[in-house]
Every structure is written in C-alpha cells, then in structure tokens.
N, C-alpha and C. Protein backbone atom coordinates (compact mmCIF):
# COMPACT_ATOMS: atom_id res chain seq x y z
N MET A 1 -12.95 11.38 12.28
CA MET A 1 -12.31 9.90 12.47
C MET A 1 -12.73 9.23 11.24
N THR A 2 -11.73 8.54 10.77
CA THR A 2 -11.76 7.72 9.42
C THR A 2 -12.58 6.25 9.78
N VAL A 3 -13.04 5.76 8.71
CA VAL A 3 -13.99 4.44 8.98
C VAL A 3 -12.74 3.40 9.48
N ALA A 4 -11.55 3.44 9.02
CA ALA A 4 -10.64 2.55 9.57
C ALA A 4 -10.29 2.71 11.10
N GLU A 5 -10.23 3.95 11.36
CA GLU A 5 -10.00 4.28 12.83
C GLU A 5 -11.04 3.72 13.76
N GLN A 6 -12.26 4.23 13.24
CA GLN A 6 -13.58 3.76 13.99
C GLN A 6 -13.60 2.34 14.05
N MET A 7 -13.44 1.53 13.11
CA MET A 7 -13.45 0.14 13.11
C MET A 7 -12.51 -0.59 14.00
N LEU A 8 -11.17 0.03 14.21
CA LEU A 8 -10.13 -0.42 15.06
C LEU A 8 -10.39 0.10 16.44
N THR A 9 -10.83 1.21 16.80
CA THR A 9 -11.17 1.67 18.08
C THR A 9 -12.48 1.11 18.77
N THR A 10 -13.35 0.66 17.88
CA THR A 10 -14.61 -0.11 18.41
C THR A 10 -14.42 -1.56 18.55
N HIS A 11 -13.34 -2.10 18.26
CA HIS A 11 -13.08 -3.59 18.46
C HIS A 11 -12.94 -3.85 19.76
N PRO A 12 -13.46 -5.07 20.18
CA PRO A 12 -13.28 -5.36 21.60
C PRO A 12 -11.87 -5.46 22.19
N ARG A 13 -10.97 -5.78 21.16
CA ARG A 13 -9.52 -5.67 21.58
C ARG A 13 -8.72 -4.53 21.29
N ALA A 14 -9.39 -3.26 21.25
CA ALA A 14 -8.82 -2.11 20.81
C ALA A 14 -7.66 -1.81 21.68
N GLY A 15 -6.73 -1.39 20.88
CA GLY A 15 -5.34 -0.92 21.60
C GLY A 15 -4.60 -2.00 22.08
N ALA A 16 -4.93 -3.14 22.00
CA ALA A 16 -4.10 -4.38 22.62
C ALA A 16 -2.72 -4.44 22.15
N GLY A 17 -1.87 -3.55 22.75
CA GLY A 17 -0.40 -3.69 22.36
C GLY A 17 -0.02 -3.10 21.11
N THR A 18 -0.96 -2.46 20.31
CA THR A 18 -0.55 -1.96 19.00
C THR A 18 -0.49 -0.28 19.14
N ASP A 19 0.19 0.20 18.21
CA ASP A 19 0.23 1.82 18.12
C ASP A 19 -0.88 1.94 17.10
N THR A 20 -2.06 2.23 17.78
CA THR A 20 -3.35 2.49 16.78
C THR A 20 -2.95 3.36 15.75
N ALA A 21 -2.68 4.56 15.86
CA ALA A 21 -2.32 5.47 15.00
C ALA A 21 -1.44 5.15 13.88
N ALA A 22 -0.19 4.42 14.24
CA ALA A 22 0.51 3.90 13.11
C ALA A 22 -0.25 2.94 12.24
N LEU A 23 -1.02 2.10 12.86
CA LEU A 23 -1.74 0.99 12.36
C LEU A 23 -2.80 1.55 11.17
N VAL A 24 -3.55 2.75 11.84
CA VAL A 24 -4.50 3.18 10.90
C VAL A 24 -3.83 3.92 9.77
N ARG A 25 -2.89 4.69 9.96
CA ARG A 25 -2.03 5.29 8.88
C ARG A 25 -1.58 4.21 7.75
N CYS A 26 -1.15 3.03 8.38
CA CYS A 26 -0.74 2.01 7.34
C CYS A 26 -1.96 1.49 6.68
N ILE A 27 -2.85 1.15 7.02
CA ILE A 27 -4.15 0.64 6.51
C ILE A 27 -4.58 1.51 5.43
N GLU A 28 -4.77 2.67 5.81
CA GLU A 28 -5.19 3.86 4.94
C GLU A 28 -4.33 4.13 3.77
N ALA A 29 -2.95 3.98 4.06
CA ALA A 29 -1.99 4.04 3.01
C ALA A 29 -1.97 2.94 2.04
N CYS A 30 -2.21 1.80 2.68
CA CYS A 30 -2.40 0.66 1.79
C CYS A 30 -3.60 0.63 0.83
N VAL A 31 -4.70 1.01 1.50
CA VAL A 31 -5.83 1.16 0.52
C VAL A 31 -5.71 2.04 -0.52
N GLU A 32 -5.18 3.37 -0.05
CA GLU A 32 -5.07 4.44 -1.20
C GLU A 32 -3.95 3.89 -2.18
N CYS A 33 -2.94 3.24 -1.85
CA CYS A 33 -1.90 2.83 -2.73
C CYS A 33 -2.51 1.89 -3.66
N ALA A 34 -3.47 0.80 -3.11
CA ALA A 34 -4.06 -0.14 -3.90
C ALA A 34 -4.68 0.46 -4.93
N GLN A 35 -5.50 1.46 -4.68
CA GLN A 35 -6.46 2.24 -5.60
C GLN A 35 -5.52 2.98 -6.49
N ALA A 36 -4.54 3.69 -6.18
CA ALA A 36 -3.68 4.34 -7.17
C ALA A 36 -2.97 3.49 -8.13
N CYS A 37 -2.51 2.27 -7.67
CA CYS A 37 -1.69 1.31 -8.54
C CYS A 37 -2.81 0.73 -9.48
N THR A 38 -3.95 0.40 -9.02
CA THR A 38 -4.96 -0.07 -10.05
C THR A 38 -5.30 0.88 -11.13
N ALA A 39 -5.46 2.21 -10.80
CA ALA A 39 -6.08 3.25 -11.59
C ALA A 39 -4.72 3.52 -12.55
N CYS A 40 -3.64 3.53 -12.09
CA CYS A 40 -2.34 3.70 -13.02
C CYS A 40 -2.14 2.52 -13.89
N ALA A 41 -2.35 1.43 -13.42
CA ALA A 41 -2.23 0.23 -14.57
C ALA A 41 -3.22 0.46 -15.64
N ASP A 42 -4.51 0.86 -15.36
CA ASP A 42 -5.63 1.03 -16.03
C ASP A 42 -5.22 2.00 -17.04
N ALA A 43 -4.65 3.29 -16.67
CA ALA A 43 -4.20 4.37 -17.35
C ALA A 43 -3.10 3.97 -18.42
N CYS A 44 -2.15 3.27 -17.85
CA CYS A 44 -1.06 2.87 -18.73
C CYS A 44 -1.55 1.95 -19.85
N LEU A 45 -2.65 1.07 -19.72
CA LEU A 45 -3.36 0.38 -20.61
C LEU A 45 -3.88 1.16 -21.82
N SER A 46 -4.27 2.54 -21.41
CA SER A 46 -4.71 3.37 -22.35
C SER A 46 -3.80 4.34 -23.12
N GLU A 47 -2.57 4.25 -22.73
CA GLU A 47 -1.67 5.15 -23.33
C GLU A 47 -1.28 4.43 -24.72
N GLU A 48 -0.73 5.32 -25.77
CA GLU A 48 -0.66 4.90 -26.85
C GLU A 48 0.70 4.01 -27.17
N MET A 49 1.66 4.33 -26.22
CA MET A 49 2.92 3.51 -26.17
C MET A 49 2.73 2.48 -25.10
N VAL A 50 1.69 1.67 -25.02
CA VAL A 50 1.41 0.74 -23.91
C VAL A 50 2.44 -0.33 -23.78
N ALA A 51 3.17 -0.80 -24.95
CA ALA A 51 4.09 -1.71 -24.99
C ALA A 51 5.32 -1.25 -24.06
N ASP A 52 5.64 0.00 -23.99
CA ASP A 52 6.62 0.58 -23.32
C ASP A 52 6.37 0.63 -21.72
N LEU A 53 5.11 0.36 -21.55
CA LEU A 53 4.73 0.33 -20.02
C LEU A 53 4.34 -0.92 -19.42
N THR A 54 4.73 -2.05 -19.93
CA THR A 54 4.46 -3.34 -19.52
C THR A 54 4.94 -3.70 -18.20
N ALA A 55 6.15 -3.33 -17.97
CA ALA A 55 6.87 -3.42 -16.59
C ALA A 55 6.05 -2.64 -15.53
N CYS A 56 5.69 -1.43 -15.93
CA CYS A 56 4.86 -0.50 -15.05
C CYS A 56 3.51 -1.03 -14.61
N ILE A 57 2.86 -1.76 -15.59
CA ILE A 57 1.59 -2.25 -15.45
C ILE A 57 1.63 -3.63 -14.57
N ARG A 58 2.59 -4.37 -14.85
CA ARG A 58 2.85 -5.57 -13.97
C ARG A 58 3.33 -5.11 -12.57
N LYS A 59 3.99 -4.05 -12.33
CA LYS A 59 4.33 -3.67 -10.81
C LYS A 59 3.22 -3.04 -10.25
N ASN A 60 2.41 -2.19 -11.18
CA ASN A 60 1.07 -1.70 -10.45
C ASN A 60 0.21 -2.80 -9.93
N LEU A 61 -0.03 -3.66 -10.79
CA LEU A 61 -0.97 -4.85 -10.49
C LEU A 61 -0.52 -5.55 -9.30
N ASP A 62 0.88 -5.89 -9.23
CA ASP A 62 1.31 -6.56 -8.18
C ASP A 62 1.21 -5.82 -6.78
N CYS A 63 1.79 -4.54 -6.92
CA CYS A 63 1.61 -3.72 -5.75
C CYS A 63 0.24 -3.53 -5.23
N ALA A 64 -0.78 -3.24 -6.25
CA ALA A 64 -2.22 -3.29 -5.71
C ALA A 64 -2.69 -4.47 -5.00
N ASP A 65 -2.36 -5.58 -5.52
CA ASP A 65 -2.85 -6.85 -4.74
C ASP A 65 -2.07 -7.09 -3.38
N VAL A 66 -0.76 -6.83 -3.39
CA VAL A 66 -0.03 -6.78 -2.04
C VAL A 66 -0.49 -5.85 -1.00
N CYS A 67 -0.83 -4.49 -1.43
CA CYS A 67 -1.57 -3.48 -0.64
C CYS A 67 -2.90 -3.91 -0.02
N ALA A 68 -3.54 -4.46 -0.97
CA ALA A 68 -4.98 -4.75 -0.67
C ALA A 68 -5.04 -5.76 0.42
N THR A 69 -3.94 -6.90 0.21
CA THR A 69 -3.97 -8.02 1.13
C THR A 69 -3.40 -7.44 2.54
N THR A 70 -2.48 -6.52 2.41
CA THR A 70 -1.81 -6.02 3.72
C THR A 70 -2.87 -5.29 4.65
N ALA A 71 -3.60 -4.69 3.93
CA ALA A 71 -4.61 -3.71 4.62
C ALA A 71 -5.66 -4.74 5.28
N ALA A 72 -5.92 -5.73 4.52
CA ALA A 72 -7.00 -6.83 5.06
C ALA A 72 -6.23 -7.38 6.11
N VAL A 73 -4.96 -8.00 6.11
CA VAL A 73 -4.42 -8.51 7.27
C VAL A 73 -4.22 -7.73 8.42
N LEU A 74 -4.03 -6.46 8.33
CA LEU A 74 -3.76 -5.39 9.37
C LEU A 74 -5.08 -5.04 10.12
N SER A 75 -6.26 -5.33 9.32
CA SER A 75 -7.47 -4.98 9.91
C SER A 75 -7.89 -6.01 10.91
N ARG A 76 -7.31 -7.22 10.86
CA ARG A 76 -7.65 -8.31 11.90
C ARG A 76 -6.91 -7.99 13.05
N GLN A 77 -7.65 -7.92 14.28
CA GLN A 77 -7.28 -7.67 15.55
C GLN A 77 -7.19 -8.79 16.43
N THR A 78 -8.21 -9.89 16.09
CA THR A 78 -8.29 -11.04 16.85
C THR A 78 -7.15 -11.83 16.87
N GLY A 79 -6.45 -12.20 17.97
CA GLY A 79 -5.27 -12.97 18.07
C GLY A 79 -4.15 -12.26 17.69
N SER A 80 -3.07 -13.04 17.31
CA SER A 80 -1.68 -12.34 17.11
C SER A 80 -0.87 -13.19 16.24
N ASN A 81 -0.45 -12.67 15.13
CA ASN A 81 0.44 -13.46 14.34
C ASN A 81 1.76 -12.33 13.79
N THR A 82 2.42 -11.93 14.86
CA THR A 82 3.52 -10.93 14.37
C THR A 82 4.32 -11.31 13.31
N ASP A 83 4.86 -12.55 13.30
CA ASP A 83 5.72 -13.03 12.18
C ASP A 83 5.09 -12.82 10.83
N VAL A 84 3.85 -13.25 10.85
CA VAL A 84 3.20 -12.99 9.44
C VAL A 84 2.94 -11.49 9.15
N LEU A 85 2.62 -10.72 10.41
CA LEU A 85 2.56 -9.26 10.15
C LEU A 85 3.80 -8.76 9.65
N ARG A 86 4.84 -9.06 10.33
CA ARG A 86 6.21 -8.52 9.64
C ARG A 86 6.45 -8.80 8.30
N ALA A 87 6.17 -10.06 7.97
CA ALA A 87 6.54 -10.66 6.53
C ALA A 87 5.67 -9.98 5.66
N GLN A 88 4.38 -9.69 5.97
CA GLN A 88 3.53 -8.91 5.08
C GLN A 88 3.86 -7.47 4.94
N LEU A 89 4.28 -7.00 6.08
CA LEU A 89 4.62 -5.42 5.94
C LEU A 89 5.88 -5.32 5.03
N GLU A 90 6.82 -6.29 5.09
CA GLU A 90 8.15 -6.27 4.38
C GLU A 90 7.77 -6.47 2.79
N ALA A 91 6.83 -7.35 2.73
CA ALA A 91 6.58 -7.70 1.19
C ALA A 91 5.87 -6.46 0.60
N CYS A 92 4.98 -5.73 1.43
CA CYS A 92 4.22 -4.51 1.03
C CYS A 92 5.39 -3.41 0.66
N ARG A 93 6.16 -3.29 1.71
CA ARG A 93 7.29 -2.25 1.36
C ARG A 93 8.02 -2.36 0.15
N ALA A 94 8.41 -3.77 -0.01
CA ALA A 94 9.29 -4.17 -1.24
C ALA A 94 8.41 -3.75 -2.47
N ALA A 95 7.06 -4.27 -2.44
CA ALA A 95 6.36 -4.12 -3.59
C ALA A 95 6.10 -2.61 -4.01
N CYS A 96 5.96 -1.70 -2.96
CA CYS A 96 5.73 -0.20 -3.02
C CYS A 96 7.01 0.27 -3.51
N ALA A 97 8.14 -0.07 -3.12
CA ALA A 97 9.49 0.65 -3.26
C ALA A 97 9.60 0.18 -4.88
N SER A 98 9.46 -0.96 -5.36
CA SER A 98 9.74 -1.42 -6.69
C SER A 98 8.70 -0.86 -7.71
N CYS A 99 7.41 -0.63 -7.34
CA CYS A 99 6.48 0.01 -8.22
C CYS A 99 6.75 1.38 -8.30
N ALA A 100 7.01 2.23 -7.01
CA ALA A 100 7.45 3.58 -7.04
C ALA A 100 8.57 4.01 -8.04
N ALA A 101 9.66 3.14 -7.93
CA ALA A 101 10.90 3.18 -8.78
C ALA A 101 10.44 3.12 -10.45
N GLU A 102 9.69 2.29 -10.69
CA GLU A 102 9.13 2.19 -11.97
C GLU A 102 8.41 3.26 -12.39
N CYS A 103 7.17 3.77 -11.63
CA CYS A 103 6.52 4.73 -11.88
C CYS A 103 7.32 6.04 -12.00
N GLU A 104 8.22 6.24 -11.23
CA GLU A 104 8.98 7.51 -11.19
C GLU A 104 9.86 7.57 -12.56
N MET A 105 10.11 6.44 -13.14
CA MET A 105 10.87 6.65 -14.55
C MET A 105 9.98 7.11 -15.69
N HIS A 106 8.50 7.12 -15.45
CA HIS A 106 7.55 7.49 -16.42
C HIS A 106 6.95 8.73 -15.85
N ALA A 107 7.13 9.22 -14.82
CA ALA A 107 6.49 10.42 -14.17
C ALA A 107 6.55 11.66 -15.13
N GLU A 108 7.49 12.05 -15.69
CA GLU A 108 7.73 13.17 -16.35
C GLU A 108 6.58 13.06 -17.77
N MET A 109 6.50 11.87 -18.17
CA MET A 109 5.61 11.73 -19.39
C MET A 109 4.03 11.62 -18.81
N HIS A 110 3.90 10.82 -17.75
CA HIS A 110 2.46 10.51 -17.47
C HIS A 110 2.06 10.99 -15.97
N GLU A 111 1.20 11.73 -15.76
CA GLU A 111 0.83 12.19 -14.85
C GLU A 111 0.30 11.26 -13.58
N HIS A 112 -0.42 10.12 -14.19
CA HIS A 112 -0.88 8.99 -13.32
C HIS A 112 0.34 8.32 -12.75
N CYS A 113 1.48 8.13 -13.37
CA CYS A 113 2.66 7.54 -12.72
C CYS A 113 3.28 8.29 -11.66
N ARG A 114 3.16 9.58 -11.83
CA ARG A 114 3.74 10.46 -10.82
C ARG A 114 2.94 10.30 -9.47
N MET A 115 1.50 10.24 -9.76
CA MET A 115 0.59 10.36 -8.50
C MET A 115 0.68 8.88 -7.92
N CYS A 116 0.96 7.74 -8.58
CA CYS A 116 1.15 6.60 -8.21
C CYS A 116 2.33 6.22 -7.52
N ALA A 117 3.48 6.89 -7.89
CA ALA A 117 4.78 6.77 -7.25
C ALA A 117 4.70 7.49 -5.89
N GLU A 118 4.08 8.49 -5.68
CA GLU A 118 3.81 9.30 -4.54
C GLU A 118 3.03 8.39 -3.47
N ALA A 119 1.85 7.78 -4.13
CA ALA A 119 1.16 6.94 -3.15
C ALA A 119 1.81 5.76 -2.65
N CYS A 120 2.68 5.17 -3.51
CA CYS A 120 3.54 4.05 -3.23
C CYS A 120 4.58 4.52 -2.25
N ARG A 121 5.30 5.62 -2.34
CA ARG A 121 6.36 5.99 -1.41
C ARG A 121 5.51 6.22 -0.13
N ARG A 122 4.41 6.80 0.13
CA ARG A 122 3.58 6.98 1.39
C ARG A 122 3.36 5.81 1.84
N CYS A 123 2.95 4.68 1.26
CA CYS A 123 2.65 3.34 1.71
C CYS A 123 3.90 2.69 2.32
N GLU A 124 4.85 2.85 1.54
CA GLU A 124 6.22 2.16 1.94
C GLU A 124 6.69 2.91 3.18
N GLN A 125 6.55 4.14 3.35
CA GLN A 125 6.87 4.88 4.61
C GLN A 125 5.92 4.39 5.91
N ALA A 126 4.80 4.25 5.51
CA ALA A 126 3.76 3.78 6.56
C ALA A 126 3.95 2.28 7.03
N CYS A 127 4.44 1.53 6.24
CA CYS A 127 4.86 0.17 6.53
C CYS A 127 6.08 0.20 7.31
N ALA A 128 7.17 0.95 6.89
CA ALA A 128 8.39 1.07 7.65
C ALA A 128 7.98 1.64 9.06
N GLU A 129 7.12 2.62 9.35
CA GLU A 129 6.82 3.19 10.49
C GLU A 129 6.07 2.05 11.44
N LEU A 130 5.24 1.28 11.02
CA LEU A 130 4.65 0.40 11.59
C LEU A 130 5.33 -0.96 12.08
N LEU A 131 6.26 -1.26 11.07
CA LEU A 131 7.25 -2.22 11.42
C LEU A 131 8.16 -1.87 12.70
N GLY A 132 8.46 -0.64 12.69
CA GLY A 132 9.08 -0.05 13.80
C GLY A 132 8.31 0.00 15.09
N ALA A 133 6.96 -0.08 15.01
CA ALA A 133 6.21 -0.02 16.04
C ALA A 133 5.87 -1.49 16.74
N LEU A 134 6.01 -2.45 15.82
CA LEU A 134 5.72 -3.79 16.23
C LEU A 134 6.65 -4.34 17.29
C-alpha cells in the first residue's frame, strides 16, 4: 500500500463518495509527473542547444506546478468542492497534454524528454479517469 493510499484510507472521511483507487492513481500520477517535469526542465537547461528547448522548459515548469497543486488539492478530503476539483483536473490534463506534445517533439534526441512525455501522458489519463468518476 502506497503512502497516498494509506493517508486516504485512514482519513476519517475515507471513501466518502469517491472512487479511492482512481483518486490514488491520480495523486500518484500527478506527483510522478511533477517530478519528471522538474527533472526534464533541469536536464534541458544542461543541453548544449538550450535555446532550442525554451518552450519545452516553460511547459515542463508549468506542468510541474500544476501537477503538484493538483496532487495537493486532491489530497484534501474534508468538505467538498467538486467544481474546483473538476477545474483543477481539467487544467492538469491540459498542462500534461501540452507538455507531453512538446516533449514528444524532442524525444528522439533527448531521453529525458521521452520519459517526461510518458509521465505526462499517464497523468493526463489519470486525470481523465478521475474526472469520469466524479
């Protein structure tokens, strides 16, 4: 059992109308994606042709911030704010799609971009699944 799952299942409001498995998958995908995007941006900054990666770095950093915020918002179980959750998940899905598309353009040349794009696509999918479960 992961830490995210343990924290959600031990919450006094555990399982209060939420698909816990989808929620855990989404939180974990967001955390993983935030880390991948941060690391990819850092790796891009170390590439010789860094000027060619400006858009990638920007999208990496934006996606990392949106994913980290999404994981935090999803981790809160007290009360309900479904409209904000939906908006946050949609924003995360959009940021992940944009970042993945950019990283995919550099994936053949930079392994870190390939790995980041994969993490972004997993997070995009996890957000879509959770949106469907809300």
